[in-house]
Every structure is written in structure tokens, then in C-alpha cells.
Amino acid sequence: MTASSILAIATVSTAGLLVDHGDRQELIHWQRVQDISVGTMQGFSGESLFVMAIELACGRILMCREDSSIWHELNLYVAGQLPAVVPFDAWGPALVAAPGAPLVIYTFGPVGSA
């Protein structure tokens, strides 16, 4: 994975995730989401922050940190657009209680599928 394959989410809507490439914007539809993982990371001031990594079917990864202006909205849309996702109410406390390895909160298709 290269830095260019990790993109920041600019906005979120029922249509999908909007990524700003500077000279252009790209709408990524919800159907292209392959996996979603959440974890914690250290912020600039040493505080612990949640982070969400959204892997697309093409292999690119979209990232969003808890201190992003779209964090709350992203969590609402993820739960609304991908009903199989584990809700924040379940994974948030789990990460606070046992920080460390990321948790997979969504995988496209049945569990165990290739």
C-alpha cells in the first residue's frame, strides 16, 4: 500500500463518499465498499483517537480520524447505508476497553467468502 492509495474523505451522503483530489472530486458509491476496520491511534497531542479505514473493491483505502469534521456524519451514514456494519455503540466501547488491534466492523458478502 502506498500513500497515494490512502485517501481522505471530504464529505459523505446517501450517494456515497466524496474524495477531494485537489483538482477534481470523486464520488465513491457505497456498493464499492469492501471492508471497514476501526482502531485507535495517537493524536498530535498524545490523545487516543478512533480511526476508520474503508477498503474499496479496487484496493484503495479511505481514512477518517475521530477529530475530522465528518466523523459523526460518517458513522451515521455507514450504519444507514451498510446495514450489516457493527454499530458504533458496540465497537466504540470495545476499543476503549481493549485498545490495540483493529476491529473489522464490515465485510462485503457472507462471512468466510473469498
N, C-alpha and C. Protein backbone atom coordinates (compact mmCIF):
# COMPACT_ATOMS: atom_id res chain seq x y z
N MET A 1 0.84 -1.16 0.00
CA MET A 1 0.00 0.00 0.00
C MET A 1 0.90 1.24 0.00
N THR A 2 0.59 2.18 -0.86
CA THR A 2 1.35 3.41 -0.92
C THR A 2 0.53 4.55 -0.36
N ALA A 3 1.19 5.66 -0.04
CA ALA A 3 0.49 6.83 0.48
C ALA A 3 -0.56 7.31 -0.50
N SER A 4 -0.31 7.15 -1.80
CA SER A 4 -1.28 7.62 -2.79
C SER A 4 -2.52 6.75 -2.83
N SER A 5 -2.47 5.55 -2.25
CA SER A 5 -3.65 4.69 -2.23
C SER A 5 -4.49 4.91 -0.98
N ILE A 6 -4.04 5.79 -0.07
CA ILE A 6 -4.80 6.14 1.12
C ILE A 6 -5.35 7.55 0.91
N LEU A 7 -6.67 7.65 0.89
CA LEU A 7 -7.33 8.92 0.57
C LEU A 7 -8.18 9.38 1.74
N ALA A 8 -8.34 10.70 1.85
CA ALA A 8 -9.19 11.28 2.89
C ALA A 8 -10.58 11.53 2.33
N ILE A 9 -11.58 11.32 3.15
CA ILE A 9 -12.97 11.54 2.77
C ILE A 9 -13.30 13.01 3.03
N ALA A 10 -13.83 13.70 2.01
CA ALA A 10 -14.19 15.10 2.15
C ALA A 10 -15.61 15.27 2.69
N THR A 11 -16.55 14.56 2.10
CA THR A 11 -17.94 14.60 2.56
C THR A 11 -18.57 13.22 2.36
N VAL A 12 -19.75 13.07 2.93
CA VAL A 12 -20.45 11.79 2.87
C VAL A 12 -21.94 12.07 2.65
N SER A 13 -22.61 11.18 1.89
CA SER A 13 -24.04 11.34 1.63
C SER A 13 -24.65 9.98 1.35
N THR A 14 -25.94 9.96 1.07
CA THR A 14 -26.59 8.70 0.73
C THR A 14 -26.05 8.14 -0.59
N ALA A 15 -25.51 8.99 -1.44
CA ALA A 15 -24.93 8.55 -2.71
C ALA A 15 -23.60 7.85 -2.52
N GLY A 16 -22.84 8.26 -1.50
CA GLY A 16 -21.54 7.65 -1.26
C GLY A 16 -20.58 8.59 -0.56
N LEU A 17 -19.30 8.32 -0.76
CA LEU A 17 -18.21 9.06 -0.12
C LEU A 17 -17.54 9.94 -1.17
N LEU A 18 -17.37 11.21 -0.86
CA LEU A 18 -16.74 12.13 -1.79
C LEU A 18 -15.30 12.35 -1.38
N VAL A 19 -14.39 12.06 -2.31
CA VAL A 19 -12.97 12.24 -2.07
C VAL A 19 -12.50 13.43 -2.89
N ASP A 20 -11.76 14.32 -2.25
CA ASP A 20 -11.24 15.51 -2.94
C ASP A 20 -9.79 15.26 -3.32
N HIS A 21 -9.51 15.24 -4.63
CA HIS A 21 -8.17 15.02 -5.15
C HIS A 21 -7.45 16.34 -5.44
N GLY A 22 -8.01 17.45 -5.01
CA GLY A 22 -7.42 18.76 -5.27
C GLY A 22 -7.95 19.36 -6.55
N ASP A 23 -7.58 18.77 -7.67
CA ASP A 23 -8.03 19.29 -8.97
C ASP A 23 -9.37 18.72 -9.40
N ARG A 24 -9.84 17.68 -8.70
CA ARG A 24 -11.13 17.07 -9.03
C ARG A 24 -11.67 16.34 -7.80
N GLN A 25 -12.97 16.05 -7.86
CA GLN A 25 -13.60 15.28 -6.79
C GLN A 25 -14.09 13.96 -7.37
N GLU A 26 -14.11 12.94 -6.54
CA GLU A 26 -14.55 11.62 -6.96
C GLU A 26 -15.61 11.10 -5.99
N LEU A 27 -16.75 10.70 -6.54
CA LEU A 27 -17.80 10.09 -5.73
C LEU A 27 -17.60 8.58 -5.74
N ILE A 28 -17.50 8.01 -4.56
CA ILE A 28 -17.33 6.57 -4.42
C ILE A 28 -18.63 6.02 -3.83
N HIS A 29 -19.35 5.24 -4.63
CA HIS A 29 -20.64 4.70 -4.22
C HIS A 29 -20.47 3.65 -3.13
N TRP A 30 -21.47 3.55 -2.27
CA TRP A 30 -21.44 2.61 -1.15
C TRP A 30 -21.21 1.17 -1.60
N GLN A 31 -21.69 0.81 -2.79
CA GLN A 31 -21.54 -0.55 -3.28
C GLN A 31 -20.07 -0.94 -3.50
N ARG A 32 -19.18 0.04 -3.59
CA ARG A 32 -17.75 -0.23 -3.81
C ARG A 32 -16.99 -0.50 -2.51
N VAL A 33 -17.67 -0.35 -1.36
CA VAL A 33 -17.02 -0.60 -0.07
C VAL A 33 -16.89 -2.10 0.14
N GLN A 34 -15.66 -2.54 0.37
CA GLN A 34 -15.36 -3.96 0.57
C GLN A 34 -15.28 -4.33 2.05
N ASP A 35 -14.51 -3.56 2.81
CA ASP A 35 -14.31 -3.82 4.24
C ASP A 35 -14.19 -2.50 4.98
N ILE A 36 -14.57 -2.52 6.25
CA ILE A 36 -14.35 -1.36 7.12
C ILE A 36 -13.72 -1.88 8.41
N SER A 37 -12.61 -1.26 8.79
CA SER A 37 -11.94 -1.58 10.05
C SER A 37 -11.84 -0.31 10.88
N VAL A 38 -11.87 -0.46 12.19
CA VAL A 38 -11.70 0.66 13.10
C VAL A 38 -10.60 0.32 14.10
N GLY A 39 -9.95 1.34 14.58
CA GLY A 39 -8.89 1.16 15.57
C GLY A 39 -8.64 2.46 16.28
N THR A 40 -7.53 2.51 16.99
CA THR A 40 -7.14 3.74 17.68
C THR A 40 -5.75 4.13 17.21
N MET A 41 -5.49 5.41 17.33
CA MET A 41 -4.17 5.94 17.00
C MET A 41 -3.89 7.11 17.93
N GLN A 42 -2.64 7.48 18.03
CA GLN A 42 -2.26 8.60 18.88
C GLN A 42 -2.38 9.89 18.08
N GLY A 43 -3.08 10.87 18.65
CA GLY A 43 -3.24 12.17 18.03
C GLY A 43 -1.99 13.01 18.23
N PHE A 44 -2.01 14.21 17.65
CA PHE A 44 -0.86 15.11 17.71
C PHE A 44 -0.51 15.53 19.14
N SER A 45 -1.51 15.58 20.01
CA SER A 45 -1.27 15.98 21.40
C SER A 45 -1.12 14.79 22.34
N GLY A 46 -1.01 13.59 21.77
CA GLY A 46 -0.82 12.40 22.58
C GLY A 46 -2.11 11.70 22.98
N GLU A 47 -3.26 12.31 22.64
CA GLU A 47 -4.54 11.70 22.98
C GLU A 47 -4.83 10.51 22.07
N SER A 48 -5.66 9.62 22.53
CA SER A 48 -6.05 8.45 21.74
C SER A 48 -7.27 8.82 20.90
N LEU A 49 -7.21 8.54 19.60
CA LEU A 49 -8.29 8.84 18.67
C LEU A 49 -8.75 7.57 17.97
N PHE A 50 -10.05 7.48 17.70
CA PHE A 50 -10.55 6.43 16.83
C PHE A 50 -10.15 6.76 15.39
N VAL A 51 -9.96 5.73 14.59
CA VAL A 51 -9.69 5.91 13.17
C VAL A 51 -10.46 4.82 12.41
N MET A 52 -11.02 5.20 11.26
CA MET A 52 -11.77 4.26 10.43
C MET A 52 -11.07 4.13 9.09
N ALA A 53 -10.85 2.89 8.66
CA ALA A 53 -10.26 2.61 7.35
C ALA A 53 -11.31 1.88 6.52
N ILE A 54 -11.63 2.44 5.36
CA ILE A 54 -12.62 1.86 4.47
C ILE A 54 -11.90 1.37 3.23
N GLU A 55 -11.89 0.06 3.04
CA GLU A 55 -11.21 -0.52 1.88
C GLU A 55 -12.21 -0.70 0.75
N LEU A 56 -11.84 -0.23 -0.43
CA LEU A 56 -12.69 -0.34 -1.61
C LEU A 56 -12.37 -1.62 -2.36
N ALA A 57 -13.28 -2.05 -3.22
CA ALA A 57 -13.09 -3.26 -4.00
C ALA A 57 -11.83 -3.18 -4.87
N CYS A 58 -11.42 -1.99 -5.26
CA CYS A 58 -10.23 -1.81 -6.10
C CYS A 58 -8.93 -1.83 -5.29
N GLY A 59 -9.03 -1.90 -3.95
CA GLY A 59 -7.85 -1.95 -3.11
C GLY A 59 -7.46 -0.62 -2.48
N ARG A 60 -8.04 0.48 -2.94
CA ARG A 60 -7.73 1.78 -2.32
C ARG A 60 -8.37 1.84 -0.94
N ILE A 61 -7.79 2.67 -0.09
CA ILE A 61 -8.27 2.80 1.28
C ILE A 61 -8.61 4.25 1.57
N LEU A 62 -9.78 4.47 2.15
CA LEU A 62 -10.21 5.78 2.60
C LEU A 62 -10.07 5.82 4.11
N MET A 63 -9.53 6.92 4.63
CA MET A 63 -9.29 7.03 6.07
C MET A 63 -10.06 8.22 6.64
N CYS A 64 -10.48 8.06 7.89
CA CYS A 64 -11.10 9.16 8.61
C CYS A 64 -10.76 9.02 10.09
N ARG A 65 -10.26 10.11 10.66
CA ARG A 65 -9.94 10.13 12.10
C ARG A 65 -11.09 10.75 12.88
N GLU A 66 -11.16 10.40 14.13
CA GLU A 66 -12.20 10.89 15.02
C GLU A 66 -12.23 12.42 15.11
N ASP A 67 -11.10 13.07 14.93
CA ASP A 67 -11.07 14.53 15.02
C ASP A 67 -11.43 15.22 13.71
N SER A 68 -11.85 14.45 12.70
CA SER A 68 -12.29 15.01 11.43
C SER A 68 -13.68 15.63 11.60
N SER A 69 -13.95 16.67 10.84
CA SER A 69 -15.26 17.33 10.91
C SER A 69 -16.39 16.43 10.43
N ILE A 70 -16.08 15.37 9.67
CA ILE A 70 -17.14 14.49 9.16
C ILE A 70 -17.29 13.20 9.95
N TRP A 71 -16.54 13.02 11.03
CA TRP A 71 -16.54 11.77 11.78
C TRP A 71 -17.94 11.32 12.19
N HIS A 72 -18.67 12.18 12.85
CA HIS A 72 -20.01 11.82 13.34
C HIS A 72 -20.93 11.47 12.17
N GLU A 73 -20.93 12.31 11.16
CA GLU A 73 -21.77 12.09 9.98
C GLU A 73 -21.38 10.79 9.27
N LEU A 74 -20.09 10.51 9.16
CA LEU A 74 -19.62 9.29 8.51
C LEU A 74 -20.16 8.06 9.25
N ASN A 75 -20.09 8.05 10.56
CA ASN A 75 -20.60 6.92 11.33
C ASN A 75 -22.10 6.72 11.14
N LEU A 76 -22.85 7.80 11.05
CA LEU A 76 -24.29 7.70 10.82
C LEU A 76 -24.58 7.11 9.43
N TYR A 77 -23.88 7.62 8.41
CA TYR A 77 -24.11 7.13 7.05
C TYR A 77 -23.64 5.70 6.86
N VAL A 78 -22.51 5.34 7.43
CA VAL A 78 -22.02 3.96 7.32
C VAL A 78 -23.08 2.99 7.86
N ALA A 79 -23.61 3.30 9.03
CA ALA A 79 -24.63 2.44 9.64
C ALA A 79 -25.92 2.43 8.83
N GLY A 80 -26.27 3.55 8.23
CA GLY A 80 -27.51 3.64 7.46
C GLY A 80 -27.41 3.02 6.08
N GLN A 81 -26.26 3.14 5.44
CA GLN A 81 -26.11 2.66 4.06
C GLN A 81 -25.62 1.21 3.98
N LEU A 82 -24.96 0.74 5.02
CA LEU A 82 -24.44 -0.63 5.07
C LEU A 82 -25.02 -1.31 6.32
N PRO A 83 -26.25 -1.80 6.24
CA PRO A 83 -26.93 -2.31 7.43
C PRO A 83 -26.19 -3.42 8.18
N ALA A 84 -25.29 -4.14 7.51
CA ALA A 84 -24.56 -5.23 8.18
C ALA A 84 -23.40 -4.73 9.03
N VAL A 85 -23.13 -3.43 9.02
CA VAL A 85 -22.00 -2.89 9.78
C VAL A 85 -22.27 -2.98 11.28
N VAL A 86 -21.23 -3.26 12.04
CA VAL A 86 -21.33 -3.26 13.50
C VAL A 86 -21.46 -1.79 13.93
N PRO A 87 -22.48 -1.44 14.72
CA PRO A 87 -22.68 -0.03 15.08
C PRO A 87 -21.63 0.50 16.06
N PHE A 88 -21.46 1.82 16.04
CA PHE A 88 -20.51 2.49 16.92
C PHE A 88 -20.76 2.14 18.39
N ASP A 89 -22.03 2.02 18.76
CA ASP A 89 -22.37 1.70 20.16
C ASP A 89 -21.74 0.39 20.62
N ALA A 90 -21.43 -0.51 19.69
CA ALA A 90 -20.79 -1.78 20.02
C ALA A 90 -19.27 -1.70 19.93
N TRP A 91 -18.74 -1.15 18.83
CA TRP A 91 -17.29 -1.16 18.66
C TRP A 91 -16.58 -0.05 19.42
N GLY A 92 -17.22 1.09 19.64
CA GLY A 92 -16.58 2.19 20.37
C GLY A 92 -16.14 1.77 21.77
N PRO A 93 -17.08 1.28 22.60
CA PRO A 93 -16.70 0.84 23.94
C PRO A 93 -15.70 -0.33 23.93
N ALA A 94 -15.80 -1.21 22.93
CA ALA A 94 -14.87 -2.34 22.85
C ALA A 94 -13.44 -1.84 22.63
N LEU A 95 -13.27 -0.82 21.78
CA LEU A 95 -11.92 -0.28 21.54
C LEU A 95 -11.41 0.51 22.74
N VAL A 96 -12.29 1.18 23.46
CA VAL A 96 -11.87 1.92 24.65
C VAL A 96 -11.41 0.93 25.72
N ALA A 97 -12.16 -0.16 25.88
CA ALA A 97 -11.85 -1.16 26.91
C ALA A 97 -10.58 -1.94 26.58
N ALA A 98 -10.34 -2.19 25.31
CA ALA A 98 -9.19 -3.01 24.91
C ALA A 98 -8.57 -2.46 23.63
N PRO A 99 -7.87 -1.31 23.73
CA PRO A 99 -7.24 -0.76 22.54
C PRO A 99 -6.14 -1.69 22.03
N GLY A 100 -5.85 -1.61 20.78
CA GLY A 100 -4.81 -2.47 20.21
C GLY A 100 -5.12 -2.77 18.77
N ALA A 101 -5.30 -4.05 18.49
CA ALA A 101 -5.55 -4.48 17.11
C ALA A 101 -6.86 -3.91 16.59
N PRO A 102 -6.89 -3.54 15.31
CA PRO A 102 -8.13 -3.02 14.73
C PRO A 102 -9.24 -4.07 14.72
N LEU A 103 -10.47 -3.58 14.70
CA LEU A 103 -11.65 -4.43 14.61
C LEU A 103 -12.27 -4.29 13.23
N VAL A 104 -12.63 -5.40 12.62
CA VAL A 104 -13.36 -5.35 11.34
C VAL A 104 -14.83 -5.21 11.69
N ILE A 105 -15.45 -4.13 11.20
CA ILE A 105 -16.86 -3.89 11.52
C ILE A 105 -17.77 -4.12 10.31
N TYR A 106 -17.18 -4.36 9.15
CA TYR A 106 -17.97 -4.65 7.95
C TYR A 106 -17.11 -5.39 6.94
N THR A 107 -17.69 -6.42 6.36
CA THR A 107 -17.08 -7.13 5.25
C THR A 107 -18.18 -7.40 4.24
N PHE A 108 -17.93 -7.06 2.98
CA PHE A 108 -18.90 -7.29 1.93
C PHE A 108 -19.09 -8.78 1.72
N GLY A 109 -20.34 -9.23 1.64
CA GLY A 109 -20.62 -10.64 1.38
C GLY A 109 -20.68 -11.44 2.66
N PRO A 110 -21.03 -12.71 2.53
CA PRO A 110 -21.13 -13.57 3.71
C PRO A 110 -19.78 -13.77 4.39
N VAL A 111 -19.79 -13.94 5.68
CA VAL A 111 -18.57 -14.18 6.44
C VAL A 111 -17.90 -15.45 5.89
N GLY A 112 -16.60 -15.38 5.67
CA GLY A 112 -15.87 -16.53 5.17
C GLY A 112 -15.83 -16.64 3.66
N SER A 113 -16.48 -15.68 2.96
CA SER A 113 -16.46 -15.75 1.50
C SER A 113 -15.15 -15.22 0.98
N ALA A 114 -14.75 -15.65 -0.20
CA ALA A 114 -13.48 -15.23 -0.77
C ALA A 114 -13.64 -13.92 -1.48
